[in-house]
Amino acid sequence: MLKNAYILTLISLFFACNTSEKDSSTATISPFDQKVDSVLNLMTLEEKIGQMNQYSGFWDATGPAPKDGSAAKKYEHLKKGWVGSMINVRGVENVKAVQKIAVEETRLGIPLIIGFDVIHGYETISPIPLAESASWDLEAIQKSAS
């Protein structure tokens, strides 16, 4: 029995000691990865950091986008490519307006990621599940789910 374990260990070590390395020069890179790499190589450090910035919408749902105050600074950052995403931009026209700036007026034309911050519920009567669970009122939670 001990002899079998010894032989099995030797065989395992033999196969584990494979020293062949994968030749990275022959690895294929997809066209998408090549495009991403080329854009990253073109980006300045400020643009790379800017892609991590997320701004909230900066105008009312019923009015035009203002171009003064802090909104003016946000427009300037958009035009420099220092914004990667925006949340709470309401209305198709407003989304198109900021996307147009990002795609047509920046150096590299990288589109924005657009989203909504609706963790607290989107026009709902009941609170979000997180708030419901904090109440420990199982009966109320079941009623709101039905």
N, C-alpha and C. Protein backbone atom coordinates (compact mmCIF):
# COMPACT_ATOMS: atom_id res chain seq x y z
N MET A 1 0.83 -1.19 0.00
CA MET A 1 0.00 0.00 0.00
C MET A 1 0.87 1.25 0.00
N LEU A 2 1.89 1.27 0.86
CA LEU A 2 2.79 2.41 0.93
C LEU A 2 3.57 2.57 -0.38
N LYS A 3 3.91 1.43 -0.99
CA LYS A 3 4.63 1.44 -2.26
C LYS A 3 3.77 2.08 -3.35
N ASN A 4 2.46 1.76 -3.37
CA ASN A 4 1.54 2.35 -4.36
C ASN A 4 1.43 3.86 -4.16
N ALA A 5 1.35 4.31 -2.93
CA ALA A 5 1.27 5.74 -2.64
C ALA A 5 2.54 6.45 -3.09
N TYR A 6 3.69 5.81 -2.88
CA TYR A 6 4.98 6.37 -3.29
C TYR A 6 5.05 6.51 -4.81
N ILE A 7 4.63 5.48 -5.53
CA ILE A 7 4.64 5.51 -7.00
C ILE A 7 3.67 6.57 -7.52
N LEU A 8 2.49 6.65 -6.92
CA LEU A 8 1.50 7.65 -7.33
C LEU A 8 2.03 9.07 -7.10
N THR A 9 2.73 9.27 -6.00
CA THR A 9 3.33 10.58 -5.71
C THR A 9 4.39 10.93 -6.74
N LEU A 10 5.22 9.97 -7.10
CA LEU A 10 6.26 10.21 -8.11
C LEU A 10 5.65 10.55 -9.47
N ILE A 11 4.62 9.83 -9.84
CA ILE A 11 3.95 10.10 -11.12
C ILE A 11 3.34 11.50 -11.11
N SER A 12 2.70 11.86 -9.99
CA SER A 12 2.09 13.18 -9.87
C SER A 12 3.15 14.27 -9.98
N LEU A 13 4.27 14.09 -9.30
CA LEU A 13 5.35 15.07 -9.37
C LEU A 13 5.92 15.18 -10.78
N PHE A 14 6.02 14.06 -11.47
CA PHE A 14 6.53 14.06 -12.83
C PHE A 14 5.67 14.95 -13.74
N PHE A 15 4.35 14.78 -13.64
CA PHE A 15 3.46 15.58 -14.49
C PHE A 15 3.34 17.02 -14.00
N ALA A 16 3.55 17.26 -12.71
CA ALA A 16 3.46 18.61 -12.17
C ALA A 16 4.67 19.46 -12.53
N CYS A 17 5.75 18.84 -12.89
CA CYS A 17 6.99 19.56 -13.20
C CYS A 17 7.10 19.93 -14.67
N ASN A 18 6.01 20.20 -15.30
CA ASN A 18 6.01 20.59 -16.70
C ASN A 18 6.57 22.00 -16.81
N THR A 19 7.68 22.16 -17.48
CA THR A 19 8.34 23.46 -17.57
C THR A 19 8.05 24.19 -18.87
N SER A 20 7.24 23.62 -19.71
CA SER A 20 6.96 24.30 -20.98
C SER A 20 6.12 25.54 -20.72
N GLU A 21 6.48 26.62 -21.36
CA GLU A 21 5.76 27.87 -21.20
C GLU A 21 4.97 28.16 -22.46
N LYS A 22 3.85 28.80 -22.26
CA LYS A 22 3.04 29.18 -23.40
C LYS A 22 3.70 30.36 -24.10
N ASP A 23 3.83 30.28 -25.38
CA ASP A 23 4.44 31.35 -26.16
C ASP A 23 3.43 32.47 -26.33
N SER A 24 3.66 33.59 -25.63
CA SER A 24 2.69 34.69 -25.68
C SER A 24 2.71 35.42 -27.02
N SER A 25 3.77 35.26 -27.80
CA SER A 25 3.83 35.96 -29.08
C SER A 25 2.87 35.35 -30.10
N THR A 26 2.46 34.10 -29.89
CA THR A 26 1.54 33.47 -30.83
C THR A 26 0.10 33.52 -30.34
N ALA A 27 -0.13 34.07 -29.14
CA ALA A 27 -1.49 34.16 -28.61
C ALA A 27 -2.30 35.12 -29.47
N THR A 28 -3.51 34.73 -29.79
CA THR A 28 -4.34 35.57 -30.64
C THR A 28 -5.10 36.57 -29.77
N ILE A 29 -5.16 37.79 -30.24
CA ILE A 29 -5.89 38.85 -29.56
C ILE A 29 -7.08 39.19 -30.43
N SER A 30 -8.25 39.22 -29.81
CA SER A 30 -9.46 39.50 -30.58
C SER A 30 -9.43 40.93 -31.10
N PRO A 31 -10.14 41.19 -32.19
CA PRO A 31 -10.21 42.56 -32.73
C PRO A 31 -10.76 43.55 -31.71
N PHE A 32 -11.71 43.09 -30.89
CA PHE A 32 -12.28 43.97 -29.86
C PHE A 32 -11.21 44.37 -28.85
N ASP A 33 -10.42 43.38 -28.38
CA ASP A 33 -9.35 43.67 -27.43
C ASP A 33 -8.30 44.60 -28.04
N GLN A 34 -8.03 44.43 -29.33
CA GLN A 34 -7.07 45.30 -30.01
C GLN A 34 -7.59 46.73 -30.04
N LYS A 35 -8.89 46.89 -30.30
CA LYS A 35 -9.48 48.23 -30.34
C LYS A 35 -9.43 48.88 -28.96
N VAL A 36 -9.78 48.10 -27.93
CA VAL A 36 -9.73 48.62 -26.56
C VAL A 36 -8.31 49.05 -26.21
N ASP A 37 -7.35 48.20 -26.52
CA ASP A 37 -5.95 48.53 -26.23
C ASP A 37 -5.51 49.78 -26.97
N SER A 38 -5.94 49.93 -28.22
CA SER A 38 -5.52 51.11 -28.98
C SER A 38 -6.13 52.38 -28.40
N VAL A 39 -7.39 52.32 -27.96
CA VAL A 39 -8.02 53.49 -27.34
C VAL A 39 -7.33 53.81 -26.02
N LEU A 40 -7.05 52.79 -25.22
CA LEU A 40 -6.36 53.03 -23.94
C LEU A 40 -4.99 53.65 -24.16
N ASN A 41 -4.30 53.24 -25.20
CA ASN A 41 -2.98 53.81 -25.48
C ASN A 41 -3.08 55.27 -25.93
N LEU A 42 -4.20 55.65 -26.53
CA LEU A 42 -4.40 57.03 -26.98
C LEU A 42 -4.81 57.95 -25.83
N MET A 43 -5.39 57.39 -24.77
CA MET A 43 -5.94 58.20 -23.68
C MET A 43 -4.84 58.80 -22.81
N THR A 44 -5.09 60.04 -22.38
CA THR A 44 -4.20 60.66 -21.40
C THR A 44 -4.57 60.12 -20.02
N LEU A 45 -3.72 60.38 -19.05
CA LEU A 45 -4.01 59.95 -17.68
C LEU A 45 -5.29 60.61 -17.18
N GLU A 46 -5.48 61.89 -17.51
CA GLU A 46 -6.69 62.60 -17.09
C GLU A 46 -7.94 61.95 -17.68
N GLU A 47 -7.87 61.54 -18.93
CA GLU A 47 -9.02 60.89 -19.57
C GLU A 47 -9.30 59.53 -18.94
N LYS A 48 -8.26 58.79 -18.60
CA LYS A 48 -8.46 57.49 -17.95
C LYS A 48 -9.10 57.67 -16.58
N ILE A 49 -8.61 58.63 -15.82
CA ILE A 49 -9.22 58.91 -14.51
C ILE A 49 -10.64 59.42 -14.70
N GLY A 50 -10.84 60.25 -15.71
CA GLY A 50 -12.16 60.80 -15.98
C GLY A 50 -13.20 59.74 -16.29
N GLN A 51 -12.78 58.65 -16.91
CA GLN A 51 -13.73 57.57 -17.21
C GLN A 51 -14.28 56.92 -15.95
N MET A 52 -13.64 57.16 -14.81
CA MET A 52 -14.14 56.63 -13.54
C MET A 52 -15.07 57.62 -12.84
N ASN A 53 -15.22 58.84 -13.38
CA ASN A 53 -16.13 59.83 -12.80
C ASN A 53 -17.56 59.55 -13.20
N GLN A 54 -18.46 59.72 -12.24
CA GLN A 54 -19.89 59.59 -12.52
C GLN A 54 -20.57 60.83 -11.98
N TYR A 55 -21.29 61.52 -12.86
CA TYR A 55 -22.05 62.70 -12.45
C TYR A 55 -23.53 62.36 -12.42
N SER A 56 -24.22 63.04 -11.51
CA SER A 56 -25.68 62.95 -11.49
C SER A 56 -26.22 63.99 -12.45
N GLY A 57 -27.45 63.78 -12.92
CA GLY A 57 -28.07 64.75 -13.82
C GLY A 57 -28.07 66.13 -13.18
N PHE A 58 -27.94 67.16 -13.96
CA PHE A 58 -27.81 68.50 -13.38
C PHE A 58 -28.84 69.47 -13.92
N TRP A 59 -30.04 68.99 -14.19
CA TRP A 59 -31.12 69.88 -14.59
C TRP A 59 -32.44 69.27 -14.15
N ASP A 60 -33.45 70.11 -14.14
CA ASP A 60 -34.78 69.64 -13.75
C ASP A 60 -35.36 68.77 -14.85
N ALA A 61 -36.27 67.90 -14.46
CA ALA A 61 -36.90 67.00 -15.43
C ALA A 61 -37.76 67.78 -16.42
N THR A 62 -38.20 68.98 -16.02
CA THR A 62 -39.12 69.73 -16.88
C THR A 62 -38.46 70.88 -17.63
N GLY A 63 -37.19 71.13 -17.39
CA GLY A 63 -36.59 72.30 -18.03
C GLY A 63 -35.36 71.96 -18.84
N PRO A 64 -34.87 72.95 -19.58
CA PRO A 64 -33.67 72.72 -20.40
C PRO A 64 -32.42 72.62 -19.52
N ALA A 65 -31.37 72.07 -20.07
CA ALA A 65 -30.12 71.93 -19.34
C ALA A 65 -29.46 73.29 -19.17
N PRO A 66 -29.23 73.73 -17.93
CA PRO A 66 -28.58 75.03 -17.73
C PRO A 66 -27.10 74.95 -18.07
N LYS A 67 -26.55 76.08 -18.50
CA LYS A 67 -25.13 76.09 -18.85
C LYS A 67 -24.36 77.08 -17.97
N ASP A 68 -24.80 77.22 -16.72
CA ASP A 68 -24.08 78.11 -15.81
C ASP A 68 -23.87 77.40 -14.48
N GLY A 69 -23.12 78.03 -13.59
CA GLY A 69 -22.87 77.46 -12.27
C GLY A 69 -22.12 76.14 -12.36
N SER A 70 -22.47 75.22 -11.47
CA SER A 70 -21.78 73.92 -11.45
C SER A 70 -22.08 73.12 -12.71
N ALA A 71 -23.23 73.40 -13.33
CA ALA A 71 -23.56 72.70 -14.57
C ALA A 71 -22.56 73.06 -15.67
N ALA A 72 -22.10 74.31 -15.68
CA ALA A 72 -21.11 74.72 -16.68
C ALA A 72 -19.81 73.94 -16.51
N LYS A 73 -19.43 73.71 -15.26
CA LYS A 73 -18.22 72.93 -15.00
C LYS A 73 -18.41 71.49 -15.45
N LYS A 74 -19.62 70.95 -15.26
CA LYS A 74 -19.89 69.58 -15.70
C LYS A 74 -19.84 69.48 -17.23
N TYR A 75 -20.37 70.50 -17.91
CA TYR A 75 -20.28 70.52 -19.37
C TYR A 75 -18.82 70.55 -19.82
N GLU A 76 -18.02 71.36 -19.14
CA GLU A 76 -16.59 71.44 -19.47
C GLU A 76 -15.92 70.08 -19.29
N HIS A 77 -16.23 69.40 -18.19
CA HIS A 77 -15.66 68.07 -17.94
C HIS A 77 -16.13 67.06 -18.97
N LEU A 78 -17.41 67.15 -19.36
CA LEU A 78 -17.92 66.26 -20.41
C LEU A 78 -17.14 66.45 -21.70
N LYS A 79 -16.92 67.71 -22.08
CA LYS A 79 -16.24 68.00 -23.34
C LYS A 79 -14.77 67.60 -23.32
N LYS A 80 -14.18 67.51 -22.14
CA LYS A 80 -12.78 67.09 -22.02
C LYS A 80 -12.65 65.57 -21.93
N GLY A 81 -13.78 64.87 -21.86
CA GLY A 81 -13.73 63.41 -21.72
C GLY A 81 -13.42 62.96 -20.31
N TRP A 82 -13.75 63.81 -19.34
CA TRP A 82 -13.45 63.50 -17.94
C TRP A 82 -14.63 62.88 -17.21
N VAL A 83 -15.64 62.43 -17.94
CA VAL A 83 -16.82 61.81 -17.33
C VAL A 83 -17.08 60.49 -18.05
N GLY A 84 -17.23 59.42 -17.29
CA GLY A 84 -17.47 58.11 -17.89
C GLY A 84 -18.91 57.67 -17.83
N SER A 85 -19.65 58.21 -16.85
CA SER A 85 -21.05 57.80 -16.72
C SER A 85 -21.85 58.89 -16.03
N MET A 86 -23.15 58.85 -16.25
CA MET A 86 -24.07 59.78 -15.59
C MET A 86 -25.28 59.00 -15.11
N ILE A 87 -25.81 59.44 -13.98
CA ILE A 87 -27.05 58.85 -13.47
C ILE A 87 -28.10 59.94 -13.36
N ASN A 88 -29.34 59.50 -13.38
CA ASN A 88 -30.50 60.38 -13.17
C ASN A 88 -30.61 61.48 -14.22
N VAL A 89 -30.22 61.21 -15.43
CA VAL A 89 -30.45 62.14 -16.54
C VAL A 89 -31.82 61.77 -17.09
N ARG A 90 -32.79 62.64 -16.90
CA ARG A 90 -34.17 62.30 -17.24
C ARG A 90 -34.54 62.74 -18.65
N GLY A 91 -35.19 61.86 -19.37
CA GLY A 91 -35.70 62.18 -20.69
C GLY A 91 -34.74 61.84 -21.81
N VAL A 92 -35.32 61.35 -22.89
CA VAL A 92 -34.53 60.93 -24.04
C VAL A 92 -33.73 62.10 -24.61
N GLU A 93 -34.34 63.26 -24.69
CA GLU A 93 -33.65 64.42 -25.28
C GLU A 93 -32.43 64.80 -24.45
N ASN A 94 -32.55 64.76 -23.12
CA ASN A 94 -31.41 65.10 -22.27
C ASN A 94 -30.30 64.05 -22.38
N VAL A 95 -30.69 62.78 -22.45
CA VAL A 95 -29.69 61.72 -22.61
C VAL A 95 -28.98 61.89 -23.95
N LYS A 96 -29.75 62.18 -25.01
CA LYS A 96 -29.14 62.40 -26.32
C LYS A 96 -28.18 63.59 -26.29
N ALA A 97 -28.56 64.64 -25.55
CA ALA A 97 -27.71 65.84 -25.48
C ALA A 97 -26.36 65.54 -24.85
N VAL A 98 -26.36 64.81 -23.72
CA VAL A 98 -25.07 64.52 -23.08
C VAL A 98 -24.28 63.49 -23.88
N GLN A 99 -24.97 62.53 -24.50
CA GLN A 99 -24.27 61.55 -25.34
C GLN A 99 -23.64 62.23 -26.55
N LYS A 100 -24.34 63.22 -27.10
CA LYS A 100 -23.81 63.94 -28.26
C LYS A 100 -22.52 64.67 -27.88
N ILE A 101 -22.52 65.27 -26.70
CA ILE A 101 -21.30 65.93 -26.24
C ILE A 101 -20.17 64.91 -26.09
N ALA A 102 -20.48 63.79 -25.44
CA ALA A 102 -19.46 62.77 -25.18
C ALA A 102 -18.90 62.17 -26.47
N VAL A 103 -19.77 61.93 -27.44
CA VAL A 103 -19.34 61.24 -28.66
C VAL A 103 -18.78 62.21 -29.71
N GLU A 104 -19.39 63.38 -29.84
CA GLU A 104 -19.01 64.29 -30.92
C GLU A 104 -18.06 65.41 -30.53
N GLU A 105 -18.03 65.76 -29.23
CA GLU A 105 -17.22 66.92 -28.84
C GLU A 105 -15.99 66.56 -28.02
N THR A 106 -15.80 65.27 -27.72
CA THR A 106 -14.59 64.88 -26.99
C THR A 106 -13.54 64.38 -27.97
N ARG A 107 -12.33 64.32 -27.51
CA ARG A 107 -11.21 63.93 -28.37
C ARG A 107 -11.36 62.51 -28.90
N LEU A 108 -11.80 61.56 -28.04
CA LEU A 108 -11.86 60.16 -28.45
C LEU A 108 -13.28 59.65 -28.72
N GLY A 109 -14.30 60.42 -28.38
CA GLY A 109 -15.67 60.03 -28.69
C GLY A 109 -16.18 58.81 -27.95
N ILE A 110 -15.76 58.63 -26.70
CA ILE A 110 -16.21 57.48 -25.91
C ILE A 110 -17.60 57.78 -25.35
N PRO A 111 -18.61 56.95 -25.65
CA PRO A 111 -19.96 57.21 -25.14
C PRO A 111 -20.05 57.04 -23.63
N LEU A 112 -21.03 57.71 -23.05
CA LEU A 112 -21.28 57.62 -21.61
C LEU A 112 -22.09 56.37 -21.28
N ILE A 113 -21.93 55.89 -20.06
CA ILE A 113 -22.84 54.88 -19.51
C ILE A 113 -23.90 55.67 -18.76
N ILE A 114 -25.17 55.43 -19.07
CA ILE A 114 -26.27 56.16 -18.45
C ILE A 114 -27.07 55.21 -17.57
N GLY A 115 -27.43 55.66 -16.37
CA GLY A 115 -28.22 54.82 -15.48
C GLY A 115 -29.09 55.66 -14.56
N PHE A 116 -29.88 54.98 -13.76
CA PHE A 116 -30.73 55.63 -12.77
C PHE A 116 -30.45 55.05 -11.40
N ASP A 117 -30.40 55.90 -10.40
CA ASP A 117 -30.18 55.46 -9.02
C ASP A 117 -31.55 55.30 -8.37
N VAL A 118 -32.09 54.11 -8.45
CA VAL A 118 -33.45 53.88 -7.95
C VAL A 118 -33.48 52.83 -6.84
N ILE A 119 -32.44 52.80 -6.00
CA ILE A 119 -32.40 51.81 -4.94
C ILE A 119 -33.56 52.02 -3.95
N HIS A 120 -34.06 53.22 -3.84
CA HIS A 120 -35.13 53.49 -2.89
C HIS A 120 -36.52 53.27 -3.49
N GLY A 121 -36.58 52.73 -4.66
CA GLY A 121 -37.86 52.46 -5.30
C GLY A 121 -38.11 53.46 -6.41
N TYR A 122 -38.74 53.01 -7.45
CA TYR A 122 -39.03 53.87 -8.58
C TYR A 122 -40.52 54.08 -8.65
N GLU A 123 -40.97 55.22 -8.11
CA GLU A 123 -42.39 55.55 -8.08
C GLU A 123 -43.22 54.41 -7.50
N THR A 124 -42.83 53.97 -6.30
CA THR A 124 -43.54 52.88 -5.63
C THR A 124 -44.20 53.38 -4.36
N ILE A 125 -45.13 52.58 -3.86
CA ILE A 125 -45.81 52.91 -2.62
C ILE A 125 -45.04 52.33 -1.43
N SER A 126 -44.56 51.12 -1.58
CA SER A 126 -43.85 50.44 -0.49
C SER A 126 -42.38 50.82 -0.50
N PRO A 127 -41.74 50.75 0.65
CA PRO A 127 -40.30 51.00 0.68
C PRO A 127 -39.52 49.88 0.00
N ILE A 128 -38.25 50.09 -0.18
CA ILE A 128 -37.41 49.07 -0.81
C ILE A 128 -37.27 47.87 0.11
N PRO A 129 -36.94 46.69 -0.43
CA PRO A 129 -36.79 45.50 0.39
C PRO A 129 -35.79 45.66 1.54
N LEU A 130 -34.74 46.44 1.34
CA LEU A 130 -33.76 46.65 2.40
C LEU A 130 -34.42 47.33 3.60
N ALA A 131 -35.23 48.35 3.34
CA ALA A 131 -35.92 49.05 4.43
C ALA A 131 -36.97 48.15 5.06
N GLU A 132 -37.67 47.38 4.24
CA GLU A 132 -38.67 46.46 4.79
C GLU A 132 -38.03 45.44 5.71
N SER A 133 -36.91 44.89 5.30
CA SER A 133 -36.26 43.87 6.13
C SER A 133 -35.76 44.45 7.44
N ALA A 134 -35.38 45.71 7.44
CA ALA A 134 -34.92 46.35 8.68
C ALA A 134 -36.05 46.54 9.68
N SER A 135 -37.29 46.50 9.21
CA SER A 135 -38.43 46.66 10.11
C SER A 135 -38.70 45.41 10.93
N TRP A 136 -38.28 44.25 10.47
CA TRP A 136 -38.53 42.95 11.09
C TRP A 136 -40.03 42.66 11.21
N ASP A 137 -40.85 43.35 10.43
CA ASP A 137 -42.30 43.12 10.45
C ASP A 137 -42.65 42.21 9.27
N LEU A 138 -42.58 40.90 9.50
CA LEU A 138 -42.78 39.93 8.42
C LEU A 138 -44.17 40.03 7.80
N GLU A 139 -45.17 40.34 8.61
CA GLU A 139 -46.53 40.45 8.08
C GLU A 139 -46.64 41.64 7.11
N ALA A 140 -46.06 42.77 7.47
CA ALA A 140 -46.10 43.94 6.59
C ALA A 140 -45.30 43.69 5.31
N ILE A 141 -44.20 42.96 5.42
CA ILE A 141 -43.39 42.64 4.25
C ILE A 141 -44.19 41.76 3.29
N GLN A 142 -44.89 40.77 3.82
CA GLN A 142 -45.71 39.89 2.97
C GLN A 142 -46.84 40.67 2.32
N LYS A 143 -47.45 41.60 3.05
CA LYS A 143 -48.54 42.40 2.48
C LYS A 143 -48.03 43.27 1.32
N SER A 144 -46.86 43.86 1.48
CA SER A 144 -46.35 44.73 0.42
C SER A 144 -45.93 43.93 -0.81
N ALA A 145 -45.60 42.66 -0.61
CA ALA A 145 -45.19 41.82 -1.74
C ALA A 145 -46.38 41.27 -2.51
N SER A 146 -47.56 41.31 -1.90
CA SER A 146 -48.73 40.74 -2.58
C SER A 146 -49.50 41.76 -3.39
